[in-house]
Protein backbone atom coordinates (compact mmCIF):
# COMPACT_ATOMS: atom_id res chain seq x y z
CA UNK A 1 -13.24 10.49 17.80
CA UNK A 2 -12.20 14.10 18.33
CA UNK A 3 -10.57 14.70 14.92
CA UNK A 4 -12.05 12.22 12.40
CA UNK A 5 -10.44 14.10 9.49
CA UNK A 6 -6.92 13.59 10.93
CA UNK A 7 -4.80 10.44 10.98
CA UNK A 8 -2.12 9.07 13.28
CA UNK A 9 0.45 6.95 11.42
CA UNK A 10 2.57 4.58 13.50
CA UNK A 11 5.73 3.27 11.82
CA UNK A 12 7.27 0.09 13.16
CA UNK A 13 8.98 -3.21 12.42
CA UNK A 14 7.99 -6.74 13.35
CA UNK A 15 9.72 -7.80 16.60
CA UNK A 16 12.15 -10.24 14.99
CA UNK A 17 15.21 -11.09 17.09
CA UNK A 18 18.37 -9.72 15.49
CA UNK A 19 16.51 -7.12 13.42
CA UNK A 20 15.21 -4.66 16.02
CA UNK A 21 16.83 -2.69 18.84
CA UNK A 22 20.25 -4.05 17.87
CA UNK A 23 21.97 -1.03 19.44
CA UNK A 24 20.91 -2.46 22.79
CA UNK A 25 22.80 -5.70 22.11
CA UNK A 26 24.82 -6.09 24.21
CA UNK A 27 23.92 -5.77 27.04
CA UNK A 28 20.55 -7.23 26.04
CA UNK A 29 20.29 -10.43 24.07
CA UNK A 30 18.66 -10.23 20.66
CA UNK A 31 15.61 -12.03 22.05
CA UNK A 32 15.28 -9.56 24.93
CA UNK A 33 15.69 -6.62 22.55
CA UNK A 34 12.90 -7.99 20.34
CA UNK A 35 10.62 -8.45 23.32
CA UNK A 36 11.29 -4.90 24.48
CA UNK A 37 10.52 -3.64 20.98
CA UNK A 38 7.21 -5.50 21.05
CA UNK A 39 6.38 -3.94 24.40
CA UNK A 40 7.12 -0.48 23.01
CA UNK A 41 4.81 -1.12 20.05
CA UNK A 42 2.01 -2.17 22.41
CA UNK A 43 2.61 0.88 24.57
CA UNK A 44 2.49 3.23 21.56
CA UNK A 45 -0.67 1.71 20.11
CA UNK A 46 -2.44 1.72 23.47
CA UNK A 47 -1.56 5.38 23.91
CA UNK A 48 -2.52 6.44 20.37
CA UNK A 49 -5.81 4.56 20.21
CA UNK A 50 -6.72 5.28 23.82
CA UNK A 51 -6.44 9.00 23.14
CA UNK A 52 -9.45 8.72 20.79
CA UNK A 53 -8.15 11.68 18.79
CA UNK A 54 -8.07 10.29 15.26
CA UNK A 55 -8.01 6.97 13.39
CA UNK A 56 -4.70 5.13 13.82
CA UNK A 57 -2.84 3.45 10.96
CA UNK A 58 -0.08 0.93 11.65
CA UNK A 59 2.51 0.99 8.85
CA UNK A 60 4.43 -2.25 8.95
CA UNK A 61 7.62 -3.86 7.74
CA UNK A 62 8.49 -6.42 6.46
CA UNK A 63 4.79 -7.26 5.92
CA UNK A 64 1.46 -6.29 7.41
CA UNK A 65 0.55 -9.98 7.33
CA UNK A 66 3.05 -10.82 10.09
CA UNK A 67 1.25 -12.50 12.99
CA UNK A 68 2.36 -9.79 15.42
CA UNK A 69 0.69 -7.08 13.33
CA UNK A 70 -2.48 -9.12 12.89
CA UNK A 71 -2.66 -9.39 16.67
CA UNK A 72 -2.20 -5.61 16.95
CA UNK A 73 -5.02 -5.05 14.47
CA UNK A 74 -7.41 -7.18 16.49
CA UNK A 75 -6.35 -5.76 19.85
CA UNK A 76 -6.31 -2.05 18.97
CA UNK A 77 -8.67 -1.80 15.98
CA UNK A 78 -6.02 -0.17 13.80
CA UNK A 79 -5.72 -0.46 10.04
CA UNK A 80 -2.61 -2.19 8.68
CA UNK A 81 -0.48 -0.90 5.81
CA UNK A 82 2.79 -2.02 4.28
CA UNK A 83 5.62 0.50 4.29
CA UNK A 84 6.50 1.29 0.67
CA UNK A 85 9.89 2.55 -0.46
CA UNK A 86 13.59 1.74 -0.68
CA UNK A 87 14.63 3.76 2.38
CA UNK A 88 13.08 5.33 5.47
CA UNK A 89 12.60 8.73 3.86
CA UNK A 90 10.76 7.32 0.85
CA UNK A 91 8.60 5.15 3.10
CA UNK A 92 7.64 8.13 5.26
CA UNK A 93 6.91 10.33 2.26
CA UNK A 94 4.79 7.62 0.64
CA UNK A 95 2.84 7.11 3.87
CA UNK A 96 2.04 10.81 4.10
CA UNK A 97 1.18 11.04 0.39
CA UNK A 98 -1.28 8.15 0.61
CA UNK A 99 -2.84 9.14 3.92
CA UNK A 100 -3.25 12.83 3.11
CA UNK A 101 -5.30 11.99 0.03
CA UNK A 102 -8.24 11.36 2.36
CA UNK A 103 -7.41 13.35 5.50
CA UNK A 104 -6.84 16.98 6.42
CA UNK A 105 -3.65 16.34 8.37
CA UNK A 106 -1.57 13.45 9.63
CA UNK A 107 0.98 12.70 12.32
CA UNK A 108 3.73 10.13 11.91
CA UNK A 109 5.37 8.59 14.97
CA UNK A 110 7.61 5.65 15.68
CA UNK A 111 7.56 3.37 18.70
CA UNK A 112 10.90 4.27 20.31
CA UNK A 113 9.71 7.20 22.44
CA UNK A 114 8.17 6.05 25.74
CA UNK A 115 7.63 9.67 26.81
CA UNK A 116 5.34 10.52 23.89
CA UNK A 117 1.82 10.91 25.28
CA UNK A 118 -1.71 11.63 24.11
CA UNK A 119 -1.31 15.29 25.05
CA UNK A 120 1.58 15.55 22.58
CA UNK A 121 -0.53 14.08 19.79
CA UNK A 122 -3.37 16.46 20.58
CA UNK A 123 -1.02 19.46 20.65
CA UNK A 124 0.40 18.44 17.27
CA UNK A 125 -3.01 18.07 15.66
CA UNK A 126 -4.15 21.36 17.17
CA UNK A 127 -1.05 23.04 15.75
CA UNK A 128 -1.81 21.78 12.26
CA UNK A 129 -5.48 22.70 12.50
CA UNK A 130 -4.45 26.19 13.64
CA UNK A 131 -2.50 26.78 10.43
CA UNK A 132 0.98 25.37 10.91
CA UNK A 133 2.27 23.60 7.81
CA UNK A 134 4.22 21.17 9.96
CA UNK A 135 4.67 20.17 13.59
CA UNK A 136 7.78 18.49 14.96
CA UNK A 137 8.64 16.89 18.27
CA UNK A 138 12.46 17.00 18.48
CA UNK A 139 14.40 14.15 20.09
CA UNK A 140 17.54 14.54 22.16
CA UNK A 141 19.51 12.37 19.76
CA UNK A 142 19.11 14.95 16.98
CA UNK A 143 16.13 13.35 15.28
CA UNK A 144 12.43 13.73 15.96
CA UNK A 145 9.81 11.63 17.72
CA UNK A 146 6.87 13.02 15.73
CA UNK A 147 6.27 14.87 12.50
CA UNK A 148 2.90 16.20 11.45
CA UNK A 149 1.94 17.59 8.05
CA UNK A 150 -1.05 19.06 6.24
CA UNK A 151 0.38 18.24 2.82
CA UNK A 152 3.23 16.02 1.63
CA UNK A 153 6.60 17.38 0.55
CA UNK A 154 9.29 15.07 -0.80
CA UNK A 155 11.94 17.64 0.16
CA UNK A 156 11.44 16.78 3.83
CA UNK A 157 12.38 13.15 3.29
CA UNK A 158 14.97 13.13 0.50
CA UNK A 159 18.71 13.34 1.12
CA UNK A 160 18.38 13.23 4.91
CA UNK A 161 21.06 11.35 6.85
CA UNK A 162 18.60 9.22 8.81
CA UNK A 163 19.54 7.87 12.25
CA UNK A 164 22.12 10.61 12.79
CA UNK A 165 22.23 13.67 15.03
CA UNK A 166 21.67 15.98 12.02
CA UNK A 167 18.12 14.87 11.13
CA UNK A 168 16.28 17.62 12.98
CA UNK A 169 18.70 20.30 11.76
CA UNK A 170 18.36 19.14 8.16
CA UNK A 171 14.57 19.05 8.47
CA UNK A 172 14.44 22.60 9.82
CA UNK A 173 16.58 23.72 6.87
CA UNK A 174 14.20 22.05 4.40
CA UNK A 175 11.19 23.68 6.07
CA UNK A 176 12.86 27.07 5.78
CA UNK A 177 13.61 26.46 2.11
CA UNK A 178 9.97 25.53 1.51
CA UNK A 179 8.85 28.72 3.22
CA UNK A 180 6.66 26.71 5.58
CA UNK A 181 5.50 27.68 9.04
CA UNK A 182 6.08 25.04 11.68
CA UNK A 183 5.85 24.56 15.42
CA UNK A 184 7.96 22.41 17.71
CA UNK A 185 6.89 20.56 20.85
CA UNK A 186 9.09 19.90 23.87
CA UNK A 187 12.16 17.77 23.17
CA UNK A 188 11.83 14.07 24.00
CA UNK A 189 14.31 11.25 24.53
CA UNK A 190 13.97 7.96 22.73
CA UNK A 191 15.27 4.49 23.45
CA UNK A 192 18.44 4.13 21.38
CA UNK A 193 21.34 3.27 23.69
CA UNK A 194 21.89 0.92 26.65
CA UNK A 195 22.06 3.91 29.00
CA UNK A 196 18.50 4.81 27.98
CA UNK A 197 17.17 1.65 29.64
CA UNK A 198 17.59 3.34 33.01
CA UNK A 199 15.08 6.00 31.93
CA UNK A 200 12.20 3.58 31.47
CA UNK A 201 9.21 4.12 33.73
CA UNK A 202 9.00 1.09 36.06
CA UNK A 203 5.22 1.48 36.12
CA UNK A 204 5.02 0.96 32.36
CA UNK A 205 7.93 -1.47 32.04
CA UNK A 206 7.92 -3.40 35.33
CA UNK A 207 10.19 -6.18 34.08
CA UNK A 208 12.43 -4.12 31.80
CA UNK A 209 16.16 -4.46 32.38
CA UNK A 210 17.76 -1.36 33.87
CA UNK A 211 21.15 -0.11 32.67
CA UNK A 212 21.74 1.63 36.01
CA UNK A 213 22.26 -1.73 37.73
CA UNK A 214 24.97 -2.80 35.32
CA UNK A 215 23.60 -6.34 35.56
CA UNK A 216 21.28 -7.68 32.93
CA UNK A 217 20.99 -11.35 33.80
CA UNK A 218 18.20 -13.32 32.18
CA UNK A 219 15.19 -11.23 33.11
CA UNK A 220 12.42 -11.58 30.54
CA UNK A 221 11.10 -8.33 29.10
CA UNK A 222 7.33 -8.19 28.73
CA UNK A 223 5.90 -8.20 25.22
CA UNK A 224 2.27 -7.70 26.22
CA UNK A 225 0.64 -4.64 27.80
């Protein structure tokens, strides 16, 4: 473990049909969208744990006791935690507050960014260890794929219009108001819209349905690595 005093927090939902990746329905069915979500979770955990940079925490909703999360715990040797809070911002702030009680820095990522790699995690941790108060990996949709902190700040997670194109802009404004120094990594795309399906790497998602074909059929999306 390269940075035992750091933590990598992965935020995700259980792959329940009708509750995940609903923006991809149609053209996907709810079942296909849930299977794709599961595959993205597996991909993210394999990447984060395989990097051997820092301990990985999986922060779960609706419950860490869901069978899918128990399987992830066994397969990837991650610790499971329930997300706590009434909205996404409160849940993220609470995760950082709890984790940073026993670690020098922490990264928080989701599972929607198939182009997030171990090198990005390492660059983010290095940035924090070099003195940055925060590190961000912007996303093309106006949000971010990664946020890293050395100390919690509720201002970064309160009053943000989550899931909109203003998230990154609002976060930069809050960082400026705090007087913090931060660094930004290269902008990523995440999987939000049907058109994004065409961007998936066929080597990582060999059975994923491609938007570029315009035909979705009944192909089953893999839910295992």
